[in-house]
Amino acid sequence: MADDATAETLADSVDDAMFAKSRPPVGRMALLGIGAGAQIAFGAIGYLVGHAAMPADGATQLLSGLAFSVGLMLVMVTGTQLFTGNTMLVLPAAQARLGVGETVRDWAIVWSANLIGSIVIAALFVASGATGALDGAVGRAALATAETKLGKDWVEVIASGILANMLVCLAVWMAIGAKSVGGKIAGVVGPVTLFVAAEFEHSVANMALLPIAWGVDPGAVPAGALVANLLLATTGNIIGGSLVAVVLAAGHGTLIEHDHPRT
């Protein structure tokens, strides 16, 4: 993208980038989804370490959010498939380049693959004994995080999921416009640090954080509550990501275009 690229040009680039996300064969899409789940799980581990043995204050929240942002940095630089970012597939769908059924299929594939990748890293983390680090402070941070997340009612989880993915998709939007690795990282840090510090609900992050807490104490994470949290957070994430995509694309006049061929 040229240095003097306009916001409208970036909006058009996001449309094309989202359409490209739907093009890989299912097997490749699933592999890239597993990769993204693993990468976000590494960010979740950073979040827990940032919280371990630290005071419960704003500085700790911001530090943990900064550590978590490594996950989305990895996703944006390596080109893996992350469900929350892929909620912006509403753009090629609105342009009739992607059918509704195809959009839902791609979301389901990537969400499921993210879950697999997240759980694998969470299981390895627990098996490694790392939750016992810092005299067990990492494990206690995981349990405290799970208690907070599972203590929210359904309205809170959905609203929090909307806010989380508005910020994630703004980060993805900016990272798409960056020409360099450094630019992508810079685009990610602020929004992701903010959503994590505010304890908003990111479905893929929760795919790692809640299983880690379960590994520390299964009784603290009832299966029904875990599933409910993931489904509600996912609903909020879809709404939030779609809002960002539609508002920005419509505002820049790229939401409905007829010069993009459907392939």
Protein backbone atom coordinates (compact mmCIF):
# COMPACT_ATOMS: atom_id res chain seq x y z
CA MET A 1 0.00 0.00 0.00
CA ALA A 2 1.36 3.45 -0.90
CA ASP A 3 2.53 5.76 1.86
CA ASP A 4 -0.18 8.29 0.96
CA ALA A 5 -2.95 5.71 0.90
CA THR A 6 -6.28 7.06 2.04
CA ALA A 7 -8.61 5.59 4.60
CA GLU A 8 -10.89 4.66 1.71
CA THR A 9 -8.12 2.67 0.08
CA LEU A 10 -7.48 0.87 3.37
CA ALA A 11 -11.18 0.06 3.68
CA ASP A 12 -11.09 -1.49 0.21
CA SER A 13 -7.98 -3.45 1.16
CA VAL A 14 -9.75 -4.85 4.22
CA ASP A 15 -12.61 -6.05 2.01
CA ASP A 16 -10.14 -7.92 -0.20
CA ALA A 17 -8.15 -9.27 2.76
CA MET A 18 -11.31 -10.71 4.29
CA PHE A 19 -12.35 -12.28 0.99
CA ALA A 20 -8.91 -13.90 0.72
CA LYS A 21 -9.46 -15.47 4.15
CA SER A 22 -12.29 -17.54 2.67
CA ARG A 23 -10.28 -18.88 -0.27
CA PRO A 24 -7.98 -21.58 1.20
CA PRO A 25 -9.18 -25.20 1.04
CA VAL A 26 -10.89 -26.41 4.20
CA GLY A 27 -7.84 -28.38 5.36
CA ARG A 28 -5.52 -25.42 5.09
CA MET A 29 -8.06 -23.15 6.73
CA ALA A 30 -8.35 -25.57 9.65
CA LEU A 31 -4.57 -25.81 10.06
CA LEU A 32 -4.24 -22.03 10.07
CA GLY A 33 -7.12 -21.88 12.56
CA ILE A 34 -5.34 -24.31 14.88
CA GLY A 35 -2.26 -22.13 14.59
CA ALA A 36 -4.19 -19.00 15.53
CA GLY A 37 -5.79 -20.72 18.53
CA ALA A 38 -2.34 -21.72 19.74
CA GLN A 39 -0.99 -18.21 19.24
CA ILE A 40 -3.82 -16.60 21.20
CA ALA A 41 -3.27 -19.22 23.92
CA PHE A 42 0.34 -18.05 24.20
CA GLY A 43 -1.02 -14.54 24.66
CA ALA A 44 -3.36 -15.85 27.36
CA ILE A 45 -0.38 -17.40 29.15
CA GLY A 46 1.35 -14.02 29.01
CA TYR A 47 -1.75 -12.47 30.56
CA LEU A 48 -1.68 -14.94 33.47
CA VAL A 49 2.03 -14.47 34.10
CA GLY A 50 1.49 -10.70 34.08
CA HIS A 51 -1.15 -11.12 36.80
CA ALA A 52 0.80 -13.57 38.93
CA ALA A 53 1.75 -12.22 42.37
CA MET A 54 0.87 -8.69 41.28
CA PRO A 55 -1.48 -6.19 42.96
CA ALA A 56 -5.00 -5.92 41.55
CA ASP A 57 -4.71 -2.46 40.03
CA GLY A 58 -4.81 -0.69 36.70
CA ALA A 59 -1.08 -1.03 36.10
CA THR A 60 -1.29 -4.80 36.42
CA GLN A 61 -4.25 -4.89 34.04
CA LEU A 62 -2.38 -2.85 31.44
CA LEU A 63 0.78 -4.94 31.81
CA SER A 64 -1.22 -8.14 31.37
CA GLY A 65 -3.02 -6.68 28.37
CA LEU A 66 0.30 -5.78 26.79
CA ALA A 67 1.56 -9.32 27.34
CA PHE A 68 -1.61 -10.76 25.81
CA SER A 69 -1.23 -8.60 22.70
CA VAL A 70 1.67 -10.84 21.65
CA GLY A 71 -0.96 -13.38 20.60
CA LEU A 72 -2.60 -11.13 18.01
CA MET A 73 0.80 -9.89 16.87
CA LEU A 74 1.67 -13.49 15.99
CA VAL A 75 -1.63 -13.96 14.18
CA MET A 76 -1.24 -10.84 12.06
CA VAL A 77 2.40 -11.45 11.15
CA THR A 78 2.07 -15.17 10.37
CA GLY A 79 -1.28 -14.94 8.57
CA THR A 80 -3.19 -17.52 10.59
CA GLN A 81 -6.99 -17.68 10.77
CA LEU A 82 -8.57 -16.17 13.89
CA PHE A 83 -12.33 -16.39 14.34
CA THR A 84 -12.72 -12.98 15.96
CA GLY A 85 -10.94 -11.22 13.12
CA ASN A 86 -12.85 -13.32 10.60
CA THR A 87 -16.14 -11.90 11.84
CA MET A 88 -15.37 -9.19 9.27
CA LEU A 89 -16.21 -11.73 6.56
CA VAL A 90 -19.52 -9.85 6.61
CA LEU A 91 -17.84 -7.46 4.15
CA PRO A 92 -17.39 -9.87 1.21
CA ALA A 93 -20.78 -11.36 2.12
CA ALA A 94 -22.39 -7.92 1.80
CA GLN A 95 -20.67 -7.51 -1.57
CA ALA A 96 -22.16 -10.84 -2.73
CA ARG A 97 -18.67 -12.26 -3.19
CA LEU A 98 -19.31 -14.74 -0.38
CA GLY A 99 -22.59 -16.49 0.34
CA VAL A 100 -24.18 -16.51 3.79
CA GLY A 101 -23.78 -20.28 3.97
CA GLU A 102 -20.10 -20.00 3.02
CA THR A 103 -19.58 -17.33 5.68
CA VAL A 104 -21.15 -19.43 8.42
CA ARG A 105 -19.20 -22.48 7.25
CA ASP A 106 -15.90 -20.59 7.38
CA TRP A 107 -16.73 -19.21 10.83
CA ALA A 108 -17.55 -22.71 12.10
CA ILE A 109 -14.34 -24.21 10.70
CA VAL A 110 -12.10 -21.50 12.09
CA TRP A 111 -13.87 -21.33 15.48
CA SER A 112 -13.54 -25.08 15.91
CA ALA A 113 -9.91 -25.04 14.80
CA ASN A 114 -9.15 -22.16 17.19
CA LEU A 115 -10.66 -24.24 19.99
CA ILE A 116 -8.40 -27.18 19.18
CA GLY A 117 -5.26 -25.05 19.06
CA SER A 118 -6.15 -23.25 22.28
CA ILE A 119 -6.88 -26.44 24.21
CA VAL A 120 -3.66 -28.10 23.04
CA ILE A 121 -1.53 -25.22 24.33
CA ALA A 122 -3.58 -24.96 27.54
CA ALA A 123 -3.13 -28.69 28.17
CA LEU A 124 0.61 -28.52 27.52
CA PHE A 125 0.90 -25.50 29.81
CA VAL A 126 -0.84 -27.31 32.65
CA ALA A 127 1.09 -30.53 32.01
CA SER A 128 4.37 -28.62 32.12
CA GLY A 129 3.69 -27.61 35.71
CA ALA A 130 3.94 -23.93 34.80
CA THR A 131 0.75 -23.09 36.69
CA GLY A 132 2.77 -23.76 39.83
CA ALA A 133 5.30 -21.06 38.96
CA LEU A 134 5.91 -18.20 41.38
CA ASP A 135 4.76 -20.36 44.30
CA GLY A 136 1.51 -21.17 42.52
CA ALA A 137 0.68 -17.55 41.69
CA VAL A 138 0.14 -18.34 38.01
CA GLY A 139 -2.43 -20.99 38.88
CA ARG A 140 -4.17 -18.66 41.30
CA ALA A 141 -4.31 -16.00 38.58
CA ALA A 142 -5.98 -18.53 36.29
CA LEU A 143 -8.59 -19.39 38.92
CA ALA A 144 -9.28 -15.72 39.68
CA THR A 145 -9.69 -15.03 35.97
CA ALA A 146 -12.12 -17.92 35.56
CA GLU A 147 -14.12 -16.79 38.60
CA THR A 148 -14.50 -13.32 37.11
CA LYS A 149 -15.50 -14.59 33.68
CA LEU A 150 -17.95 -17.21 34.91
CA GLY A 151 -19.46 -14.79 37.41
CA LYS A 152 -20.88 -12.55 34.69
CA ASP A 153 -24.51 -12.89 33.62
CA TRP A 154 -25.46 -13.45 29.99
CA VAL A 155 -26.05 -9.77 29.20
CA GLU A 156 -22.66 -8.85 30.60
CA VAL A 157 -20.86 -11.53 28.60
CA ILE A 158 -22.52 -10.56 25.32
CA ALA A 159 -21.98 -6.83 25.86
CA SER A 160 -18.39 -7.48 26.90
CA GLY A 161 -17.89 -9.68 23.83
CA ILE A 162 -19.17 -6.89 21.58
CA LEU A 163 -16.70 -4.40 23.06
CA ALA A 164 -13.81 -6.87 22.94
CA ASN A 165 -14.19 -7.60 19.28
CA MET A 166 -14.78 -4.01 18.29
CA LEU A 167 -11.28 -3.35 19.60
CA VAL A 168 -9.82 -6.54 18.11
CA CYS A 169 -11.23 -5.76 14.67
CA LEU A 170 -10.00 -2.18 14.85
CA ALA A 171 -6.55 -3.64 15.60
CA VAL A 172 -6.85 -6.04 12.65
CA TRP A 173 -8.06 -3.20 10.40
CA MET A 174 -4.99 -1.11 11.23
CA ALA A 175 -2.60 -4.05 10.96
CA ILE A 176 -3.90 -4.87 7.47
CA GLY A 177 -2.95 -1.35 6.41
CA ALA A 178 0.61 -1.67 7.72
CA LYS A 179 3.40 -2.48 5.25
CA SER A 180 5.93 -3.78 7.75
CA VAL A 181 6.06 -6.22 10.66
CA GLY A 182 6.72 -3.28 12.97
CA GLY A 183 3.67 -1.48 11.65
CA LYS A 184 1.45 -4.50 12.21
CA ILE A 185 2.70 -4.83 15.77
CA ALA A 186 2.11 -1.14 16.43
CA GLY A 187 -1.44 -1.41 15.12
CA VAL A 188 -2.23 -4.31 17.42
CA VAL A 189 -0.79 -3.18 20.75
CA GLY A 190 -3.11 -0.35 21.77
CA PRO A 191 -6.56 -1.82 21.08
CA VAL A 192 -5.66 -5.28 22.39
CA THR A 193 -4.04 -3.95 25.56
CA LEU A 194 -7.19 -1.90 26.19
CA PHE A 195 -9.71 -4.72 25.71
CA VAL A 196 -7.75 -7.10 27.91
CA ALA A 197 -7.15 -4.51 30.62
CA ALA A 198 -10.89 -3.81 30.69
CA GLU A 199 -11.57 -7.57 31.05
CA PHE A 200 -13.78 -7.78 27.98
CA GLU A 201 -14.73 -11.23 26.69
CA HIS A 202 -12.76 -12.65 23.76
CA SER A 203 -14.06 -16.10 22.86
CA VAL A 204 -10.74 -17.48 21.61
CA ALA A 205 -8.79 -16.18 24.59
CA ASN A 206 -11.35 -17.85 26.84
CA MET A 207 -10.77 -21.13 24.99
CA ALA A 208 -7.36 -21.16 26.68
CA LEU A 209 -7.91 -19.25 29.92
CA LEU A 210 -10.84 -21.35 31.14
CA PRO A 211 -9.26 -24.75 30.34
CA ILE A 212 -6.08 -23.67 32.13
CA ALA A 213 -8.14 -22.82 35.21
CA TRP A 214 -9.93 -26.18 34.86
CA GLY A 215 -6.54 -27.87 34.82
CA VAL A 216 -5.67 -26.17 38.11
CA ASP A 217 -9.01 -27.01 39.76
CA PRO A 218 -11.72 -28.78 37.72
CA GLY A 219 -14.33 -27.93 40.33
CA ALA A 220 -13.83 -24.22 39.75
CA VAL A 221 -14.84 -24.42 36.08
CA PRO A 222 -18.14 -26.31 35.58
CA ALA A 223 -18.47 -27.63 32.03
CA GLY A 224 -21.86 -26.01 31.51
CA ALA A 225 -20.62 -22.60 32.61
CA LEU A 226 -17.56 -22.89 30.37
CA VAL A 227 -19.66 -23.76 27.30
CA ALA A 228 -22.16 -20.98 28.06
CA ASN A 229 -19.38 -18.43 28.37
CA LEU A 230 -17.85 -19.43 25.04
CA LEU A 231 -21.16 -19.35 23.19
CA LEU A 232 -22.22 -16.01 24.65
CA ALA A 233 -18.80 -14.45 24.09
CA THR A 234 -18.86 -15.75 20.51
CA THR A 235 -22.25 -14.12 19.93
CA GLY A 236 -20.97 -10.81 21.25
CA ASN A 237 -17.79 -11.11 19.19
CA ILE A 238 -19.77 -11.64 15.98
CA ILE A 239 -21.87 -8.56 16.69
CA GLY A 240 -18.89 -6.40 17.63
CA GLY A 241 -16.73 -7.41 14.68
CA SER A 242 -19.61 -7.01 12.24
CA LEU A 243 -20.40 -3.54 13.59
CA VAL A 244 -16.85 -2.32 13.08
CA ALA A 245 -16.62 -3.79 9.59
CA VAL A 246 -20.00 -2.50 8.40
CA VAL A 247 -19.69 1.00 9.88
CA LEU A 248 -16.19 1.63 8.55
CA ALA A 249 -16.81 0.08 5.13
CA ALA A 250 -20.14 1.89 4.69
CA GLY A 251 -18.62 5.14 5.89
CA HIS A 252 -15.85 4.87 3.30
CA GLY A 253 -18.21 3.74 0.54
CA THR A 254 -16.82 0.23 0.12
CA LEU A 255 -19.54 -1.85 1.78
CA ILE A 256 -21.47 -2.54 -1.44
CA GLU A 257 -19.37 -2.67 -4.56
CA HIS A 258 -20.07 -4.24 -7.90
CA ASP A 259 -16.59 -4.18 -9.41
CA HIS A 260 -15.29 -7.07 -7.31
CA PRO A 261 -15.72 -10.37 -9.15
CA ARG A 262 -17.00 -13.37 -7.22
CA THR A 263 -14.53 -16.21 -7.70
